[in-house]
Amino acid sequence: MAENTQGTVQENTRVDVKKLSFERAIEELESIVKRLEDGKVPLEESVAIYERGEALKRRCEELLRQAEARVDKITTDASGQVTGTEPLDVQ
């Protein structure tokens, strides 16, 4: 089973982090954390997948910030009913 997880991680490292959905990025990040915690990864590979993990973490944070900004821009009336949205100001 470790080989299966390793194969998946190695295949995922070819995918551009910026193209991953939140769900795919978090799944891959969890896989990397598990492999590193197991402590059975050679040092050089550990460094490489740690760097990939950092990029995945940044991607997840970016997607969460975008989702949060969209939610913040939803407008409601006095009774709390959604009345629309305002344009998202990307900074």
PDB file of N, CA and C in Angstrom:
ATOM      1  N   MET A   1       0.819  -1.186   0.000  1.00  0.00           N
ATOM      2  CA  MET A   1       0.000   0.000   0.000  1.00  0.00           C
ATOM      3  C   MET A   1       0.866   1.254   0.000  1.00  0.00           C
ATOM      4  N   ALA A   2       2.008   1.214   0.668  1.00  0.00           N
ATOM      5  CA  ALA A   2       2.900   2.369   0.675  1.00  0.00           C
ATOM      6  C   ALA A   2       3.349   2.703  -0.740  1.00  0.00           C
ATOM      7  N   GLU A   3       3.566   1.682  -1.550  1.00  0.00           N
ATOM      8  CA  GLU A   3       3.972   1.927  -2.930  1.00  0.00           C
ATOM      9  C   GLU A   3       2.870   2.652  -3.690  1.00  0.00           C
ATOM     10  N   ASN A   4       1.616   2.280  -3.412  1.00  0.00           N
ATOM     11  CA  ASN A   4       0.491   2.926  -4.077  1.00  0.00           C
ATOM     12  C   ASN A   4       0.438   4.404  -3.710  1.00  0.00           C
ATOM     13  N   THR A   5       0.583   4.716  -2.415  1.00  0.00           N
ATOM     14  CA  THR A   5       0.576   6.109  -1.982  1.00  0.00           C
ATOM     15  C   THR A   5       1.747   6.858  -2.594  1.00  0.00           C
ATOM     16  N   GLN A   6       2.930   6.231  -2.589  1.00  0.00           N
ATOM     17  CA  GLN A   6       4.121   6.858  -3.151  1.00  0.00           C
ATOM     18  C   GLN A   6       3.919   7.131  -4.632  1.00  0.00           C
ATOM     19  N   GLY A   7       3.373   6.171  -5.346  1.00  0.00           N
ATOM     20  CA  GLY A   7       3.118   6.356  -6.770  1.00  0.00           C
ATOM     21  C   GLY A   7       2.179   7.513  -7.019  1.00  0.00           C
ATOM     22  N   THR A   8       1.138   7.621  -6.198  1.00  0.00           N
ATOM     23  CA  THR A   8       0.181   8.709  -6.345  1.00  0.00           C
ATOM     24  C   THR A   8       0.856  10.051  -6.104  1.00  0.00           C
ATOM     25  N   VAL A   9       1.679  10.128  -5.055  1.00  0.00           N
ATOM     26  CA  VAL A   9       2.372  11.382  -4.761  1.00  0.00           C
ATOM     27  C   VAL A   9       3.296  11.747  -5.912  1.00  0.00           C
ATOM     28  N   GLN A  10       4.049  10.771  -6.425  1.00  0.00           N
ATOM     29  CA  GLN A  10       4.971  11.054  -7.516  1.00  0.00           C
ATOM     30  C   GLN A  10       4.226  11.493  -8.769  1.00  0.00           C
ATOM     31  N   GLU A  11       3.083  10.872  -9.054  1.00  0.00           N
ATOM     32  CA  GLU A  11       2.290  11.284 -10.211  1.00  0.00           C
ATOM     33  C   GLU A  11       1.767  12.707 -10.018  1.00  0.00           C
ATOM     34  N   ASN A  12       1.319  13.034  -8.807  1.00  0.00           N
ATOM     35  CA  ASN A  12       0.763  14.353  -8.521  1.00  0.00           C
ATOM     36  C   ASN A  12       1.799  15.450  -8.623  1.00  0.00           C
ATOM     37  N   THR A  13       3.064  15.131  -8.364  1.00  0.00           N
ATOM     38  CA  THR A  13       4.084  16.177  -8.395  1.00  0.00           C
ATOM     39  C   THR A  13       4.283  16.720  -9.803  1.00  0.00           C
ATOM     40  N   ARG A  14       3.775  16.036 -10.799  1.00  0.00           N
ATOM     41  CA  ARG A  14       3.882  16.521 -12.174  1.00  0.00           C
ATOM     42  C   ARG A  14       2.766  17.526 -12.502  1.00  0.00           C
ATOM     43  N   VAL A  15       1.728  17.563 -11.669  1.00  0.00           N
ATOM     44  CA  VAL A  15       0.597  18.456 -11.894  1.00  0.00           C
ATOM     45  C   VAL A  15       0.923  19.826 -11.288  1.00  0.00           C
ATOM     46  N   ASP A  16       0.700  20.891 -12.062  1.00  0.00           N
ATOM     47  CA  ASP A  16       0.949  22.249 -11.595  1.00  0.00           C
ATOM     48  C   ASP A  16       0.013  22.559 -10.422  1.00  0.00           C
ATOM     49  N   VAL A  17       0.592  22.951  -9.305  1.00  0.00           N
ATOM     50  CA  VAL A  17      -0.174  23.242  -8.100  1.00  0.00           C
ATOM     51  C   VAL A  17      -1.245  24.294  -8.382  1.00  0.00           C
ATOM     52  N   LYS A  18      -0.935  25.273  -9.218  1.00  0.00           N
ATOM     53  CA  LYS A  18      -1.871  26.361  -9.495  1.00  0.00           C
ATOM     54  C   LYS A  18      -3.120  25.895 -10.240  1.00  0.00           C
ATOM     55  N   LYS A  19      -3.095  24.672 -10.761  1.00  0.00           N
ATOM     56  CA  LYS A  19      -4.247  24.152 -11.499  1.00  0.00           C
ATOM     57  C   LYS A  19      -5.103  23.216 -10.648  1.00  0.00           C
ATOM     58  N   LEU A  20      -4.673  22.942  -9.432  1.00  0.00           N
ATOM     59  CA  LEU A  20      -5.384  21.992  -8.583  1.00  0.00           C
ATOM     60  C   LEU A  20      -6.580  22.640  -7.895  1.00  0.00           C
ATOM     61  N   SER A  21      -7.648  21.861  -7.761  1.00  0.00           N
ATOM     62  CA  SER A  21      -8.783  22.307  -6.959  1.00  0.00           C
ATOM     63  C   SER A  21      -8.381  22.219  -5.489  1.00  0.00           C
ATOM     64  N   PHE A  22      -9.152  22.843  -4.642  1.00  0.00           N
ATOM     65  CA  PHE A  22      -8.865  22.786  -3.207  1.00  0.00           C
ATOM     66  C   PHE A  22      -8.852  21.340  -2.732  1.00  0.00           C
ATOM     67  N   GLU A  23      -9.840  20.579  -3.157  1.00  0.00           N
ATOM     68  CA  GLU A  23      -9.963  19.198  -2.703  1.00  0.00           C
ATOM     69  C   GLU A  23      -8.759  18.349  -3.119  1.00  0.00           C
ATOM     70  N   ARG A  24      -8.323  18.483  -4.365  1.00  0.00           N
ATOM     71  CA  ARG A  24      -7.148  17.727  -4.836  1.00  0.00           C
ATOM     72  C   ARG A  24      -5.890  18.158  -4.101  1.00  0.00           C
ATOM     73  N   ALA A  25      -5.737  19.469  -3.889  1.00  0.00           N
ATOM     74  CA  ALA A  25      -4.544  19.973  -3.212  1.00  0.00           C
ATOM     75  C   ALA A  25      -4.481  19.488  -1.770  1.00  0.00           C
ATOM     76  N   ILE A  26      -5.597  19.530  -1.067  1.00  0.00           N
ATOM     77  CA  ILE A  26      -5.604  19.114   0.332  1.00  0.00           C
ATOM     78  C   ILE A  26      -5.380  17.603   0.438  1.00  0.00           C
ATOM     79  N   GLU A  27      -5.926  16.847  -0.502  1.00  0.00           N
ATOM     80  CA  GLU A  27      -5.728  15.396  -0.525  1.00  0.00           C
ATOM     81  C   GLU A  27      -4.243  15.060  -0.707  1.00  0.00           C
ATOM     82  N   GLU A  28      -3.608  15.725  -1.644  1.00  0.00           N
ATOM     83  CA  GLU A  28      -2.186  15.477  -1.879  1.00  0.00           C
ATOM     84  C   GLU A  28      -1.352  15.931  -0.683  1.00  0.00           C
ATOM     85  N   LEU A  29      -1.709  17.053  -0.092  1.00  0.00           N
ATOM     86  CA  LEU A  29      -0.994  17.555   1.082  1.00  0.00           C
ATOM     87  C   LEU A  29      -1.088  16.555   2.235  1.00  0.00           C
ATOM     88  N   GLU A  30      -2.264  16.007   2.456  1.00  0.00           N
ATOM     89  CA  GLU A  30      -2.438  15.006   3.509  1.00  0.00           C
ATOM     90  C   GLU A  30      -1.581  13.777   3.249  1.00  0.00           C
ATOM     91  N   SER A  31      -1.487  13.376   1.999  1.00  0.00           N
ATOM     92  CA  SER A  31      -0.666  12.228   1.628  1.00  0.00           C
ATOM     93  C   SER A  31       0.815  12.500   1.915  1.00  0.00           C
ATOM     94  N   ILE A  32       1.258  13.702   1.596  1.00  0.00           N
ATOM     95  CA  ILE A  32       2.650  14.082   1.846  1.00  0.00           C
ATOM     96  C   ILE A  32       2.942  14.092   3.345  1.00  0.00           C
ATOM     97  N   VAL A  33       2.042  14.669   4.117  1.00  0.00           N
ATOM     98  CA  VAL A  33       2.236  14.727   5.566  1.00  0.00           C
ATOM     99  C   VAL A  33       2.340  13.316   6.136  1.00  0.00           C
ATOM    100  N   LYS A  34       1.469  12.434   5.690  1.00  0.00           N
ATOM    101  CA  LYS A  34       1.493  11.045   6.170  1.00  0.00           C
ATOM    102  C   LYS A  34       2.830  10.380   5.837  1.00  0.00           C
ATOM    103  N   ARG A  35       3.311  10.565   4.620  1.00  0.00           N
ATOM    104  CA  ARG A  35       4.596   9.958   4.225  1.00  0.00           C
ATOM    105  C   ARG A  35       5.740  10.505   5.055  1.00  0.00           C
ATOM    106  N   LEU A  36       5.744  11.811   5.292  1.00  0.00           N
ATOM    107  CA  LEU A  36       6.811  12.408   6.084  1.00  0.00           C
ATOM    108  C   LEU A  36       6.745  11.945   7.541  1.00  0.00           C
ATOM    109  N   GLU A  37       5.528  11.820   8.072  1.00  0.00           N
ATOM    110  CA  GLU A  37       5.371  11.360   9.453  1.00  0.00           C
ATOM    111  C   GLU A  37       5.818   9.907   9.618  1.00  0.00           C
ATOM    112  N   ASP A  38       5.636   9.101   8.578  1.00  0.00           N
ATOM    113  CA  ASP A  38       6.066   7.705   8.646  1.00  0.00           C
ATOM    114  C   ASP A  38       7.585   7.595   8.765  1.00  0.00           C
ATOM    115  N   GLY A  39       8.302   8.604   8.266  1.00  0.00           N
ATOM    116  CA  GLY A  39       9.747   8.643   8.400  1.00  0.00           C
ATOM    117  C   GLY A  39      10.500   7.635   7.557  1.00  0.00           C
ATOM    118  N   LYS A  40       9.879   7.116   6.535  1.00  0.00           N
ATOM    119  CA  LYS A  40      10.529   6.099   5.702  1.00  0.00           C
ATOM    120  C   LYS A  40      10.923   6.628   4.330  1.00  0.00           C
ATOM    121  N   VAL A  41      10.986   7.933   4.199  1.00  0.00           N
ATOM    122  CA  VAL A  41      11.307   8.556   2.922  1.00  0.00           C
ATOM    123  C   VAL A  41      12.773   9.000   2.960  1.00  0.00           C
ATOM    124  N   PRO A  42      13.543   8.688   1.924  1.00  0.00           N
ATOM    125  CA  PRO A  42      14.935   9.147   1.885  1.00  0.00           C
ATOM    126  C   PRO A  42      15.009  10.670   2.009  1.00  0.00           C
ATOM    127  N   LEU A  43      16.100  11.157   2.572  1.00  0.00           N
ATOM    128  CA  LEU A  43      16.263  12.585   2.862  1.00  0.00           C
ATOM    129  C   LEU A  43      16.004  13.470   1.649  1.00  0.00           C
ATOM    130  N   GLU A  44      16.629  13.154   0.524  1.00  0.00           N
ATOM    131  CA  GLU A  44      16.474  14.001  -0.661  1.00  0.00           C
ATOM    132  C   GLU A  44      15.016  14.069  -1.109  1.00  0.00           C
ATOM    133  N   GLU A  45      14.349  12.927  -1.097  1.00  0.00           N
ATOM    134  CA  GLU A  45      12.937  12.903  -1.483  1.00  0.00           C
ATOM    135  C   GLU A  45      12.082  13.640  -0.454  1.00  0.00           C
ATOM    136  N   SER A  46      12.446  13.521   0.834  1.00  0.00           N
ATOM    137  CA  SER A  46      11.723  14.228   1.888  1.00  0.00           C
ATOM    138  C   SER A  46      11.742  15.728   1.646  1.00  0.00           C
ATOM    139  N   VAL A  47      12.896  16.250   1.287  1.00  0.00           N
ATOM    140  CA  VAL A  47      13.025  17.678   1.016  1.00  0.00           C
ATOM    141  C   VAL A  47      12.147  18.070  -0.177  1.00  0.00           C
ATOM    142  N   ALA A  48      12.179  17.253  -1.225  1.00  0.00           N
ATOM    143  CA  ALA A  48      11.397  17.557  -2.433  1.00  0.00           C
ATOM    144  C   ALA A  48       9.894  17.544  -2.146  1.00  0.00           C
ATOM    145  N   ILE A  49       9.426  16.528  -1.415  1.00  0.00           N
ATOM    146  CA  ILE A  49       7.982  16.480  -1.166  1.00  0.00           C
ATOM    147  C   ILE A  49       7.570  17.508  -0.115  1.00  0.00           C
ATOM    148  N   TYR A  50       8.494  17.880   0.773  1.00  0.00           N
ATOM    149  CA  TYR A  50       8.200  18.958   1.727  1.00  0.00           C
ATOM    150  C   TYR A  50       7.983  20.269   0.967  1.00  0.00           C
ATOM    151  N   GLU A  51       8.846  20.540  -0.011  1.00  0.00           N
ATOM    152  CA  GLU A  51       8.691  21.750  -0.828  1.00  0.00           C
ATOM    153  C   GLU A  51       7.360  21.725  -1.574  1.00  0.00           C
ATOM    154  N   ARG A  52       7.006  20.572  -2.117  1.00  0.00           N
ATOM    155  CA  ARG A  52       5.713  20.421  -2.799  1.00  0.00           C
ATOM    156  C   ARG A  52       4.580  20.684  -1.803  1.00  0.00           C
ATOM    157  N   GLY A  53       4.731  20.171  -0.597  1.00  0.00           N
ATOM    158  CA  GLY A  53       3.727  20.384   0.437  1.00  0.00           C
ATOM    159  C   GLY A  53       3.541  21.851   0.770  1.00  0.00           C
ATOM    160  N   GLU A  54       4.629  22.603   0.818  1.00  0.00           N
ATOM    161  CA  GLU A  54       4.545  24.043   1.071  1.00  0.00           C
ATOM    162  C   GLU A  54       3.768  24.739  -0.043  1.00  0.00           C
ATOM    163  N   ALA A  55       4.025  24.353  -1.281  1.00  0.00           N
ATOM    164  CA  ALA A  55       3.310  24.947  -2.419  1.00  0.00           C
ATOM    165  C   ALA A  55       1.823  24.593  -2.344  1.00  0.00           C
ATOM    166  N   LEU A  56       1.512  23.368  -1.964  1.00  0.00           N
ATOM    167  CA  LEU A  56       0.119  22.945  -1.827  1.00  0.00           C
ATOM    168  C   LEU A  56      -0.573  23.718  -0.709  1.00  0.00           C
ATOM    169  N   LYS A  57       0.120  23.928   0.389  1.00  0.00           N
ATOM    170  CA  LYS A  57      -0.433  24.686   1.511  1.00  0.00           C
ATOM    171  C   LYS A  57      -0.770  26.108   1.071  1.00  0.00           C
ATOM    172  N   ARG A  58       0.141  26.728   0.335  1.00  0.00           N
ATOM    173  CA  ARG A  58      -0.114  28.085  -0.157  1.00  0.00           C
ATOM    174  C   ARG A  58      -1.324  28.101  -1.101  1.00  0.00           C
ATOM    175  N   ARG A  59      -1.441  27.081  -1.958  1.00  0.00           N
ATOM    176  CA  ARG A  59      -2.575  26.994  -2.889  1.00  0.00           C
ATOM    177  C   ARG A  59      -3.887  26.886  -2.115  1.00  0.00           C
ATOM    178  N   CYS A  60      -3.921  26.042  -1.099  1.00  0.00           N
ATOM    179  CA  CYS A  60      -5.137  25.883  -0.301  1.00  0.00           C
ATOM    180  C   CYS A  60      -5.495  27.187   0.402  1.00  0.00           C
ATOM    181  N   GLU A  61      -4.499  27.868   0.960  1.00  0.00           N
ATOM    182  CA  GLU A  61      -4.745  29.151   1.621  1.00  0.00           C
ATOM    183  C   GLU A  61      -5.292  30.180   0.633  1.00  0.00           C
ATOM    184  N   GLU A  62      -4.727  30.197  -0.575  1.00  0.00           N
ATOM    185  CA  GLU A  62      -5.185  31.132  -1.609  1.00  0.00           C
ATOM    186  C   GLU A  62      -6.650  30.863  -1.968  1.00  0.00           C
ATOM    187  N   LEU A  63      -6.994  29.598  -2.176  1.00  0.00           N
ATOM    188  CA  LEU A  63      -8.364  29.250  -2.540  1.00  0.00           C
ATOM    189  C   LEU A  63      -9.334  29.558  -1.402  1.00  0.00           C
ATOM    190  N   LEU A  64      -8.903  29.334  -0.169  1.00  0.00           N
ATOM    191  CA  LEU A  64      -9.760  29.662   0.973  1.00  0.00           C
ATOM    192  C   LEU A  64      -9.988  31.168   1.085  1.00  0.00           C
ATOM    193  N   ARG A  65      -8.927  31.963   0.852  1.00  0.00           N
ATOM    194  CA  ARG A  65      -9.075  33.425   0.883  1.00  0.00           C
ATOM    195  C   ARG A  65     -10.055  33.892  -0.191  1.00  0.00           C
ATOM    196  N   GLN A  66      -9.959  33.293  -1.381  1.00  0.00           N
ATOM    197  CA  GLN A  66     -10.864  33.672  -2.467  1.00  0.00           C
ATOM    198  C   GLN A  66     -12.311  33.329  -2.109  1.00  0.00           C
ATOM    199  N   ALA A  67     -12.519  32.155  -1.549  1.00  0.00           N
ATOM    200  CA  ALA A  67     -13.872  31.740  -1.160  1.00  0.00           C
ATOM    201  C   ALA A  67     -14.409  32.652  -0.058  1.00  0.00           C
ATOM    202  N   GLU A  68     -13.556  32.971   0.891  1.00  0.00           N
ATOM    203  CA  GLU A  68     -13.937  33.857   1.989  1.00  0.00           C
ATOM    204  C   GLU A  68     -14.333  35.236   1.454  1.00  0.00           C
ATOM    205  N   ALA A  69     -13.572  35.756   0.515  1.00  0.00           N
ATOM    206  CA  ALA A  69     -13.874  37.058  -0.072  1.00  0.00           C
ATOM    207  C   ALA A  69     -15.208  37.023  -0.803  1.00  0.00           C
ATOM    208  N   ARG A  70     -15.488  35.934  -1.489  1.00  0.00           N
ATOM    209  CA  ARG A  70     -16.764  35.821  -2.203  1.00  0.00           C
ATOM    210  C   ARG A  70     -17.914  35.801  -1.215  1.00  0.00           C
ATOM    211  N   VAL A  71     -17.761  35.059  -0.116  1.00  0.00           N
ATOM    212  CA  VAL A  71     -18.809  34.997   0.894  1.00  0.00           C
ATOM    213  C   VAL A  71     -19.008  36.367   1.527  1.00  0.00           C
ATOM    214  N   ASP A  72     -17.908  37.081   1.774  1.00  0.00           N
ATOM    215  CA  ASP A  72     -17.998  38.417   2.364  1.00  0.00           C
ATOM    216  C   ASP A  72     -18.760  39.376   1.466  1.00  0.00           C
ATOM    217  N   LYS A  73     -18.754  39.150   0.175  1.00  0.00           N
ATOM    218  CA  LYS A  73     -19.385  40.065  -0.772  1.00  0.00           C
ATOM    219  C   LYS A  73     -20.863  39.758  -1.010  1.00  0.00           C
ATOM    220  N   ILE A  74     -21.385  38.701  -0.397  1.00  0.00           N
ATOM    221  CA  ILE A  74     -22.809  38.397  -0.545  1.00  0.00           C
ATOM    222  C   ILE A  74     -23.588  39.436   0.257  1.00  0.00           C
ATOM    223  N   THR A  75     -24.565  40.060  -0.374  1.00  0.00           N
ATOM    224  CA  THR A  75     -25.354  41.089   0.297  1.00  0.00           C
ATOM    225  C   THR A  75     -26.683  40.501   0.770  1.00  0.00           C
ATOM    226  N   THR A  76     -27.139  40.982   1.909  1.00  0.00           N
ATOM    227  CA  THR A  76     -28.408  40.518   2.463  1.00  0.00           C
ATOM    228  C   THR A  76     -29.272  41.711   2.846  1.00  0.00           C
ATOM    229  N   ASP A  77     -30.582  41.460   2.974  1.00  0.00           N
ATOM    230  CA  ASP A  77     -31.479  42.524   3.431  1.00  0.00           C
ATOM    231  C   ASP A  77     -31.581  42.467   4.953  1.00  0.00           C
ATOM    232  N   ALA A  78     -32.419  43.295   5.533  1.00  0.00           N
ATOM    233  CA  ALA A  78     -32.532  43.390   6.994  1.00  0.00           C
ATOM    234  C   ALA A  78     -32.960  42.070   7.637  1.00  0.00           C
ATOM    235  N   SER A  79     -33.707  41.249   6.903  1.00  0.00           N
ATOM    236  CA  SER A  79     -34.162  39.972   7.465  1.00  0.00           C
ATOM    237  C   SER A  79     -33.155  38.850   7.255  1.00  0.00           C
ATOM    238  N   GLY A  80     -32.038  39.158   6.590  1.00  0.00           N
ATOM    239  CA  GLY A  80     -31.001  38.145   6.382  1.00  0.00           C
ATOM    240  C   GLY A  80     -31.131  37.386   5.079  1.00  0.00           C
ATOM    241  N   GLN A  81     -32.096  37.763   4.252  1.00  0.00           N
ATOM    242  CA  GLN A  81     -32.270  37.101   2.962  1.00  0.00           C
ATOM    243  C   GLN A  81     -31.225  37.615   1.976  1.00  0.00           C
ATOM    244  N   VAL A  82     -30.657  36.708   1.209  1.00  0.00           N
ATOM    245  CA  VAL A  82     -29.662  37.095   0.220  1.00  0.00           C
ATOM    246  C   VAL A  82     -30.320  37.928  -0.873  1.00  0.00           C
ATOM    247  N   THR A  83     -29.750  39.093  -1.141  1.00  0.00           N
ATOM    248  CA  THR A  83     -30.321  39.971  -2.164  1.00  0.00           C
ATOM    249  C   THR A  83     -29.408  40.060  -3.390  1.00  0.00           C
ATOM    250  N   GLY A  84     -28.219  39.552  -3.285  1.00  0.00           N
ATOM    251  CA  GLY A  84     -27.303  39.598  -4.423  1.00  0.00           C
ATOM    252  C   GLY A  84     -25.868  39.522  -3.957  1.00  0.00           C
ATOM    253  N   THR A  85     -25.008  39.837  -4.873  1.00  0.00           N
ATOM    254  CA  THR A  85     -23.586  39.849  -4.551  1.00  0.00           C
ATOM    255  C   THR A  85     -22.966  41.112  -5.117  1.00  0.00           C
ATOM    256  N   GLU A  86     -21.855  41.492  -4.550  1.00  0.00           N
ATOM    257  CA  GLU A  86     -21.093  42.615  -5.051  1.00  0.00           C
ATOM    258  C   GLU A  86     -19.882  42.064  -5.775  1.00  0.00           C
ATOM    259  N   PRO A  87     -19.341  42.802  -6.761  1.00  0.00           N
ATOM    260  CA  PRO A  87     -18.147  42.328  -7.454  1.00  0.00           C
ATOM    261  C   PRO A  87     -17.009  42.086  -6.481  1.00  0.00           C
ATOM    262  N   LEU A  88     -16.274  41.022  -6.698  1.00  0.00           N
ATOM    263  CA  LEU A  88     -15.139  40.689  -5.862  1.00  0.00           C
ATOM    264  C   LEU A  88     -13.960  41.573  -6.235  1.00  0.00           C
ATOM    265  N   ASP A  89     -13.441  42.297  -5.264  1.00  0.00           N
ATOM    266  CA  ASP A  89     -12.278  43.139  -5.481  1.00  0.00           C
ATOM    267  C   ASP A  89     -11.036  42.301  -5.218  1.00  0.00           C
ATOM    268  N   VAL A  90     -10.393  41.848  -6.254  1.00  0.00           N
ATOM    269  CA  VAL A  90      -9.186  41.043  -6.118  1.00  0.00           C
ATOM    270  C   VAL A  90      -8.015  41.989  -5.958  1.00  0.00           C
ATOM    271  N   GLN A  91      -7.256  41.789  -4.902  1.00  0.00           N
ATOM    272  CA  GLN A  91      -6.121  42.669  -4.635  1.00  0.00           C
ATOM    273  C   GLN A  91      -4.838  41.963  -4.820  1.00  0.00           C
TER     274      GLN A  91
END
